[in-house]
Protein backbone atom coordinates (compact mmCIF):
# COMPACT_ATOMS: atom_id res chain seq x y z
CA MET A 1 5.74 -18.34 -1.07
CA GLU A 2 9.24 -19.76 -0.47
CA LYS A 3 9.74 -19.79 -4.39
CA VAL A 4 9.34 -15.93 -4.40
CA ARG A 5 11.58 -15.49 -1.52
CA ASP A 6 14.28 -17.49 -2.88
CA PHE A 7 14.27 -15.98 -6.10
CA LEU A 8 14.07 -12.47 -4.72
CA SER A 9 16.86 -13.22 -2.10
CA ASP A 10 19.28 -14.73 -4.91
CA LYS A 11 22.02 -11.96 -5.41
CA SER A 12 23.97 -13.91 -7.88
CA GLU A 13 24.90 -12.10 -10.98
CA LYS A 14 23.39 -15.08 -13.04
CA ASN A 15 19.88 -14.07 -11.57
CA GLN A 16 20.10 -10.23 -11.72
CA LEU A 17 18.71 -9.98 -15.26
CA LYS A 18 15.69 -12.21 -14.28
CA LYS A 19 15.14 -10.44 -11.13
CA ALA A 20 15.04 -7.05 -13.31
CA LEU A 21 12.80 -8.37 -15.87
CA TYR A 22 10.61 -9.55 -12.96
CA LYS A 23 10.52 -6.26 -11.47
CA TYR A 24 9.68 -4.57 -14.75
CA ILE A 25 6.72 -6.81 -15.41
CA HIS A 26 5.67 -6.06 -12.03
CA ARG A 27 5.98 -2.19 -12.49
CA LYS A 28 3.97 -2.34 -15.92
CA ARG A 29 1.57 -4.71 -14.78
CA ARG A 30 0.89 -6.34 -18.14
CA ILE A 31 3.25 -6.48 -21.06
CA SER A 32 4.25 -8.17 -24.08
CA LYS A 33 7.44 -10.03 -24.99
CA ALA A 34 7.99 -7.43 -27.87
CA GLU A 35 7.82 -4.62 -25.22
CA LEU A 36 10.17 -6.40 -22.91
CA LEU A 37 12.71 -6.92 -25.97
CA LYS A 38 12.79 -3.28 -26.57
CA GLU A 39 13.41 -2.53 -22.91
CA PHE A 40 16.22 -5.07 -22.30
CA HIS A 41 18.01 -5.40 -25.51
CA VAL A 42 18.57 -9.15 -25.21
CA PRO A 43 18.23 -11.87 -28.07
CA ASN A 44 14.95 -13.28 -28.57
CA THR A 45 15.89 -16.47 -27.50
CA THR A 46 17.15 -15.40 -24.25
CA MET A 47 13.91 -13.53 -23.43
CA THR A 48 11.99 -16.58 -24.51
CA ARG A 49 14.10 -18.46 -22.11
CA MET A 50 13.75 -16.34 -19.23
CA LEU A 51 10.02 -15.70 -19.47
CA ALA A 52 9.41 -19.63 -19.76
CA GLU A 53 11.65 -19.95 -16.71
CA LEU A 54 9.70 -17.42 -14.54
CA THR A 55 6.48 -18.97 -15.77
CA ASP A 56 7.58 -22.56 -14.60
CA ARG A 57 8.56 -21.31 -11.35
CA GLY A 58 5.25 -19.84 -10.64
CA LEU A 59 6.46 -16.27 -10.69
CA ILE A 60 4.65 -14.98 -13.84
CA ARG A 61 1.76 -16.05 -16.11
CA GLN A 62 0.18 -15.21 -19.35
CA ALA A 63 -2.57 -12.53 -19.12
CA GLY A 64 -4.34 -12.61 -22.30
CA PHE A 65 -3.77 -10.74 -25.43
CA GLY A 66 -2.79 -7.29 -26.37
CA HIS A 67 -3.71 -5.51 -29.45
CA PRO A 68 -2.28 -6.85 -32.69
CA THR A 69 -0.12 -4.78 -34.92
CA GLY A 70 -0.40 -6.48 -38.09
CA GLY A 71 -0.18 -10.15 -37.15
CA ARG A 72 -1.23 -12.21 -34.30
CA PRO A 73 -2.16 -10.43 -31.18
CA PRO A 74 0.72 -10.54 -28.58
CA VAL A 75 0.55 -12.63 -25.56
CA LEU A 76 0.69 -10.49 -22.37
CA TYR A 77 2.64 -11.43 -19.31
CA GLU A 78 2.06 -10.45 -15.64
CA ILE A 79 3.33 -11.37 -12.06
CA VAL A 80 1.44 -14.04 -10.11
CA SER A 81 0.07 -11.67 -7.60
CA ASP A 82 -1.01 -14.32 -4.92
CA ALA A 83 2.27 -16.13 -5.20
CA ALA A 84 3.47 -14.26 -1.96
CA TYR A 85 2.03 -11.79 0.46
CA VAL A 86 3.31 -8.87 2.51
CA ILE A 87 2.40 -6.90 5.69
CA GLY A 88 2.21 -3.40 6.18
CA ILE A 89 1.80 -1.66 9.60
CA GLU A 90 1.34 1.97 10.32
CA ILE A 91 2.20 3.23 13.98
CA ALA A 92 0.71 6.51 14.45
CA ARG A 93 0.05 8.84 17.44
CA THR A 94 -3.49 8.01 17.19
CA ASP A 95 -3.74 4.37 15.98
CA VAL A 96 -2.08 1.38 14.91
CA ARG A 97 -2.97 -0.37 11.47
CA VAL A 98 -1.97 -3.53 10.05
CA MET A 99 -2.78 -4.61 6.53
CA LEU A 100 -2.32 -8.00 4.33
CA LEU A 101 -1.40 -7.27 0.82
CA ASN A 102 -0.78 -9.33 -2.38
CA LEU A 103 2.21 -8.54 -4.92
CA ASN A 104 0.14 -6.19 -6.78
CA TYR A 105 -0.27 -4.11 -3.48
CA GLU A 106 -4.04 -5.04 -3.22
CA VAL A 107 -5.31 -4.87 0.28
CA ILE A 108 -6.58 -8.48 0.92
CA GLY A 109 -7.35 -7.79 4.72
CA ASN A 110 -6.59 -5.35 7.49
CA ASP A 111 -7.36 -4.41 11.06
CA ARG A 112 -6.53 -1.51 13.45
CA PHE A 113 -6.82 -0.31 17.00
CA SER A 114 -6.56 2.98 18.59
CA PHE A 115 -3.43 4.07 20.42
CA MET A 116 -4.07 4.58 24.16
CA LYS A 117 -2.13 5.28 27.17
CA GLN A 118 -1.95 1.41 28.04
CA HIS A 119 -0.24 0.70 24.60
CA THR A 120 3.28 0.41 25.71
CA PRO A 121 5.90 -1.07 23.15
CA GLN A 122 5.16 -4.60 24.90
CA VAL A 123 1.36 -4.47 24.70
CA THR A 124 1.57 -2.74 21.06
CA ILE A 125 3.61 -5.46 19.70
CA GLU A 126 1.81 -8.29 21.19
CA LYS A 127 -1.34 -6.91 19.61
CA ILE A 128 0.62 -6.67 16.37
CA ASN A 129 1.63 -9.99 16.69
CA ASP A 130 -1.80 -11.34 17.15
CA MET A 131 -3.38 -9.02 14.28
CA ILE A 132 -0.82 -10.47 11.88
CA GLY A 133 -1.50 -14.05 12.88
CA ALA A 134 -5.05 -13.62 12.72
CA LEU A 135 -5.07 -12.26 9.20
CA MET A 136 -2.87 -15.01 8.16
CA GLU A 137 -5.06 -17.69 9.36
CA ARG A 138 -8.19 -15.96 8.08
CA TYR A 139 -6.80 -15.90 4.73
CA GLN A 140 -4.82 -19.13 4.99
CA ILE A 141 -1.48 -17.55 4.30
CA PRO A 142 1.21 -20.03 5.29
CA SER A 143 4.16 -17.53 5.40
CA LEU A 144 5.03 -14.09 4.62
CA LEU A 145 7.49 -12.52 2.17
CA GLY A 146 8.23 -9.76 4.65
CA ILE A 147 6.67 -7.28 6.95
CA GLY A 148 6.90 -3.37 6.54
CA ILE A 149 6.31 -0.84 9.07
CA GLY A 150 5.84 2.87 8.76
CA ALA A 151 6.13 4.65 12.15
CA VAL A 152 6.46 8.31 13.76
CA GLY A 153 10.24 9.10 13.98
CA PRO A 154 12.91 9.41 14.76
CA ILE A 155 13.64 5.87 13.99
CA ASP A 156 17.15 4.01 13.18
CA ARG A 157 15.97 2.35 9.72
CA GLU A 158 19.10 0.12 9.47
CA ASN A 159 18.59 -1.34 12.74
CA GLY A 160 14.73 -1.46 12.73
CA VAL A 161 14.56 0.63 15.88
CA ILE A 162 11.90 3.32 16.86
CA LEU A 163 14.25 5.64 18.81
CA ASN A 164 12.07 8.33 20.75
CA PRO A 165 8.75 9.47 18.97
CA GLU A 166 7.36 12.70 19.97
CA SER A 167 3.86 13.04 21.57
CA PHE A 168 3.34 9.25 21.82
CA PRO A 169 0.11 8.64 24.28
CA ALA A 170 1.80 5.73 26.03
CA GLU A 171 5.20 5.58 27.94
CA GLY A 172 8.20 3.48 27.06
CA TRP A 173 8.51 4.22 23.40
CA ARG A 174 12.51 4.75 23.39
CA ASP A 175 14.75 2.47 21.64
CA VAL A 176 12.42 -0.21 20.74
CA PRO A 177 13.80 -2.62 18.56
CA ILE A 178 10.38 -3.52 16.85
CA GLY A 179 12.21 -4.87 13.42
CA GLU A 180 14.23 -7.66 15.57
CA ILE A 181 11.39 -8.44 17.50
CA LEU A 182 8.93 -9.05 14.51
CA HIS A 183 11.63 -10.77 12.84
CA LYS A 184 12.26 -13.40 15.66
CA ARG A 185 8.44 -13.93 15.49
CA PHE A 186 7.95 -14.47 11.89
CA SER A 187 11.46 -15.16 10.49
CA VAL A 188 11.01 -12.64 7.49
CA PRO A 189 12.75 -9.36 6.70
CA VAL A 190 11.30 -6.59 8.58
CA ILE A 191 11.66 -3.01 7.02
CA LEU A 192 11.11 -0.03 9.24
CA ASN A 193 10.77 3.61 7.89
CA ASN A 194 9.20 6.74 8.67
CA GLY A 195 5.56 6.77 8.06
CA ALA A 196 5.66 10.05 5.91
CA ASN A 197 8.28 8.19 3.81
CA THR A 198 6.08 5.00 3.07
CA ALA A 199 2.88 7.07 2.63
CA ALA A 200 4.93 8.87 -0.11
CA VAL A 201 5.99 5.62 -1.70
CA ALA A 202 2.33 4.45 -1.70
CA GLU A 203 1.12 7.39 -3.40
CA TYR A 204 4.01 7.51 -6.00
CA TYR A 205 2.93 3.78 -7.20
CA ALA A 206 -0.65 4.65 -6.88
CA ARG A 207 -0.43 7.15 -9.71
CA ASN A 208 1.72 7.01 -12.92
CA ASP A 209 5.42 7.15 -13.96
CA HIS A 210 5.57 10.95 -14.80
CA GLU A 211 5.26 12.20 -11.08
CA GLU A 212 8.77 11.59 -10.37
CA ASN A 213 9.61 14.22 -7.91
CA ILE A 214 6.67 14.07 -5.05
CA LEU A 215 6.69 16.15 -1.74
CA TYR A 216 4.03 14.31 0.74
CA CYS A 217 3.01 16.47 3.61
CA ILE A 218 0.92 15.05 6.45
CA SER A 219 -0.48 17.65 9.03
CA GLY A 220 -2.34 17.01 12.26
CA TYR A 221 -0.53 16.65 15.65
CA GLY A 222 2.70 17.55 13.98
CA ILE A 223 4.07 18.26 10.57
CA ARG A 224 5.76 15.10 8.63
CA CYS A 225 7.00 14.93 5.02
CA GLY A 226 8.56 12.59 2.87
CA TYR A 227 10.27 13.26 -0.66
CA ILE A 228 10.62 11.15 -3.59
CA GLN A 229 13.19 12.53 -6.14
CA GLU A 230 13.32 10.94 -9.73
CA GLY A 231 11.38 7.79 -8.29
CA ARG A 232 13.68 7.24 -5.54
CA LEU A 233 12.87 7.67 -1.69
CA PHE A 234 14.98 10.40 0.12
CA ASN A 235 15.66 9.10 3.22
CA GLN A 236 16.87 11.18 6.08
CA LYS A 237 19.70 9.95 8.17
CA GLN A 238 17.72 9.44 11.46
CA GLY A 239 14.36 8.88 9.55
CA ASP A 240 12.84 11.95 11.37
CA ALA A 241 10.24 13.13 8.81
CA THR A 242 9.35 15.87 11.44
CA SER A 243 12.37 18.14 11.00
CA TYR A 244 10.35 19.70 8.04
CA GLU A 245 8.02 20.95 10.89
CA HIS A 246 10.95 23.25 12.17
CA ILE A 247 11.25 25.47 9.21
CA VAL A 248 10.93 29.03 10.28
CA VAL A 249 7.67 30.64 8.86
CA GLU A 250 8.09 33.85 11.21
CA ALA A 251 11.24 35.35 12.59
CA ASP A 252 11.22 35.53 16.32
CA GLY A 253 7.69 33.86 16.23
CA ARG A 254 6.13 31.47 18.69
CA ASP A 255 8.18 29.43 21.02
CA CYS A 256 8.85 25.85 19.75
CA THR A 257 9.75 22.67 21.61
CA CYS A 258 12.98 22.60 19.81
CA GLY A 259 14.23 25.77 21.39
CA SER A 260 13.68 27.88 18.38
CA LYS A 261 11.11 30.47 17.59
CA GLY A 262 8.45 30.61 14.60
CA CYS A 263 8.83 27.11 13.47
CA LEU A 264 5.73 25.76 11.29
CA LYS A 265 4.75 23.41 14.05
CA THR A 266 3.84 26.31 16.24
CA TYR A 267 1.26 27.78 13.70
CA VAL A 268 0.02 24.64 11.98
CA SER A 269 -0.22 21.47 14.30
CA PHE A 270 -3.56 20.84 16.31
CA GLY A 271 -1.69 21.75 19.28
CA ALA A 272 -0.62 25.08 18.10
CA MET A 273 -4.17 25.99 16.97
CA LEU A 274 -5.75 24.70 20.17
CA ASN A 275 -3.21 26.78 22.16
CA ARG A 276 -4.06 29.80 20.24
CA LEU A 277 -7.69 29.29 20.85
CA ASP A 278 -7.10 28.69 24.58
CA SER A 279 -5.02 31.96 24.77
CA LEU A 280 -8.10 33.86 23.55
CA GLY A 281 -10.44 32.20 26.23
CA ILE A 282 -12.02 29.80 23.98
CA PRO A 283 -11.25 26.27 25.18
CA SER A 284 -11.73 23.89 22.33
CA THR A 285 -11.22 20.14 20.96
CA ILE A 286 -9.90 18.72 17.83
CA ASP A 287 -13.56 17.96 17.09
CA ASP A 288 -14.25 21.75 17.36
CA LEU A 289 -11.62 22.28 14.85
CA LEU A 290 -13.11 19.69 12.53
CA ASN A 291 -16.65 20.89 13.03
CA SER A 292 -16.95 24.25 14.63
CA LYS A 293 -18.69 27.11 12.52
CA GLU A 294 -17.65 29.66 15.10
CA SER A 295 -15.98 32.59 13.49
CA SER A 296 -13.20 32.68 16.06
CA VAL A 297 -12.31 29.16 15.49
CA ARG A 298 -12.46 29.42 11.84
CA GLU A 299 -10.20 32.52 11.71
CA ILE A 300 -7.64 30.65 13.62
CA ILE A 301 -7.88 27.65 11.33
CA MET A 302 -7.42 29.79 8.17
CA GLU A 303 -4.51 31.53 9.72
CA SER A 304 -3.12 28.18 10.32
CA ALA A 305 -3.68 27.09 6.57
CA ASN A 306 -2.06 30.37 5.34
CA TYR A 307 1.11 29.52 7.44
CA TYR A 308 0.99 25.98 6.36
CA GLY A 309 1.10 27.25 2.75
CA ILE A 310 4.17 29.45 3.67
CA GLY A 311 5.98 26.51 4.83
CA ILE A 312 5.15 24.27 1.92
CA ALA A 313 6.34 27.16 -0.43
CA ASN A 314 9.64 27.06 1.54
CA MET A 315 9.91 23.39 0.93
CA ILE A 316 9.17 23.74 -2.85
CA HIS A 317 12.05 26.20 -3.22
CA ILE A 318 14.30 23.80 -1.80
CA LEU A 319 13.46 20.62 -3.17
CA HIS A 320 11.53 21.51 -6.64
CA PRO A 321 8.93 18.59 -6.45
CA ASP A 322 6.69 18.26 -9.57
CA THR A 323 3.65 17.47 -7.14
CA VAL A 324 2.71 18.10 -3.47
CA ILE A 325 0.29 15.73 -1.88
CA LEU A 326 -1.55 16.95 1.16
CA HIS A 327 -2.82 14.35 3.84
CA GLY A 328 -4.34 15.03 7.10
CA LYS A 329 -7.86 15.35 8.84
CA LEU A 330 -8.29 19.13 8.12
CA ILE A 331 -7.29 18.54 4.51
CA TYR A 332 -9.86 15.78 3.82
CA HIS A 333 -12.58 17.16 6.25
CA ASP A 334 -12.46 21.09 5.47
CA SER A 335 -12.40 22.09 1.98
CA GLU A 336 -12.14 25.90 2.93
CA TYR A 337 -8.85 24.88 4.93
CA TYR A 338 -7.54 22.89 1.91
CA GLN A 339 -8.12 25.52 -0.55
CA GLU A 340 -6.59 28.45 1.59
CA VAL A 341 -3.50 25.94 1.87
CA VAL A 342 -3.21 25.87 -1.72
CA GLN A 343 -3.84 29.51 -2.36
CA SER A 344 -1.13 30.25 0.37
CA VAL A 345 1.30 28.11 -1.48
CA ASN A 346 0.71 29.71 -5.04
CA LYS A 347 0.95 32.97 -3.45
CA HIS A 348 4.30 32.42 -1.77
CA ILE A 349 6.24 30.34 -4.41
CA CYS A 350 8.63 31.98 -6.87
CA ALA A 351 7.06 32.79 -10.19
CA ARG A 352 10.01 31.28 -11.75
CA ASN A 353 9.48 27.64 -10.58
CA HIS A 354 8.20 25.27 -13.04
CA PRO A 355 4.25 24.26 -12.84
CA ILE A 356 3.52 22.36 -9.69
CA THR A 357 0.60 20.00 -8.90
CA ILE A 358 -0.87 20.35 -5.37
CA ARG A 359 -3.46 17.67 -4.51
CA LYS A 360 -4.89 15.45 -1.80
CA GLY A 361 -3.77 11.88 -1.43
CA VAL A 362 -5.67 9.14 -3.35
CA LEU A 363 -5.05 6.52 -0.90
CA GLY A 364 -5.94 8.40 2.46
CA GLU A 365 -5.36 6.92 5.69
CA LYS A 366 -4.29 3.54 3.75
CA ALA A 367 -1.19 5.22 2.39
CA THR A 368 1.30 4.67 5.21
CA SER A 369 0.41 0.94 5.54
CA ILE A 370 0.49 0.17 1.78
CA GLY A 371 3.65 1.95 1.41
CA ALA A 372 5.41 0.02 4.28
CA ALA A 373 4.33 -3.10 2.39
CA ILE A 374 5.78 -1.90 -0.87
CA GLN A 375 9.13 -1.16 0.63
CA VAL A 376 9.31 -4.86 1.61
CA PHE A 377 9.07 -5.71 -1.95
CA GLU A 378 11.57 -3.16 -3.05
CA HIS A 379 14.03 -3.74 -0.56
CA PHE A 380 14.98 -7.23 -2.52
CA PHE A 381 16.13 -5.20 -5.36
CA GLU A 382 18.55 -2.89 -3.61
């Protein structure tokens, strides 16, 4: 573990090429020396020496043979995935998830608990500490490479502080230095980002290289979005991925908590739909939204889907993504809702836009935690 951390923490000029080589092997999963020579343009002897050094340090290993191209089949190299482990944490409005991953971002173990009124920062962080410790003990992990957190914003990424998340069930979540607290407990880097951003990162790595511009949208209690442009995460200054929910979709529309009118949130969030049903004398719950077949409930849900599509279309016109990924309970649970959102997007985007793929997330509820862990590894190369 320490070997990997020492190698990745070494920012000396001498080590930069080897780190770049290691990262490239990591991204490609398995690759031959010939392919690496094409990418790095160094002498064959230099490449041989670097591969031998990384192998001797236990960072990479030979991984079988590739297809021959006229001679012997080429030796393939891969990173040693169990040379180090990372923790990915999601702090959402409804639950907290902790995952242990190896360096190939494969989930080794995980745990979670529902986020309730009693989960103040102190209680929550103590439970997270216990869960990390239990995972490390269960899988005999002596130490960690780092801890990543994807949380509801706004946050202060640079200082690892959760500032003032909206609609948390428990009190006290203001200016919580969670990064500092976990760093003191485990003595490893702690990387905090907004959960929508970390989920976007996870979905990007889960697919392939050509999906360079990704807009990731989470809908539920609020609307949160993350955006990756040309493979790089677009971080807003205050880590507030909920700012997207204040795109205006109807001029002089419904009152919003931000003081404006007609914001996307007031038409698409669970609260907006429940308020709409309540105003019609139809008291409902989130379970009703997910399962009810009543025509009045379905009408409100489909209206919400239409407005959601309008909001996403506005984002597309500004950000120009290649792919839009949709995540949320209704997206996965209600196929009619999902199809209505997609149709509304296509109806309201400009025909001159380049072709856009709209799809559901492939990682589901694991995305935020996995992406948080990925950011731990990535931060060593910044």
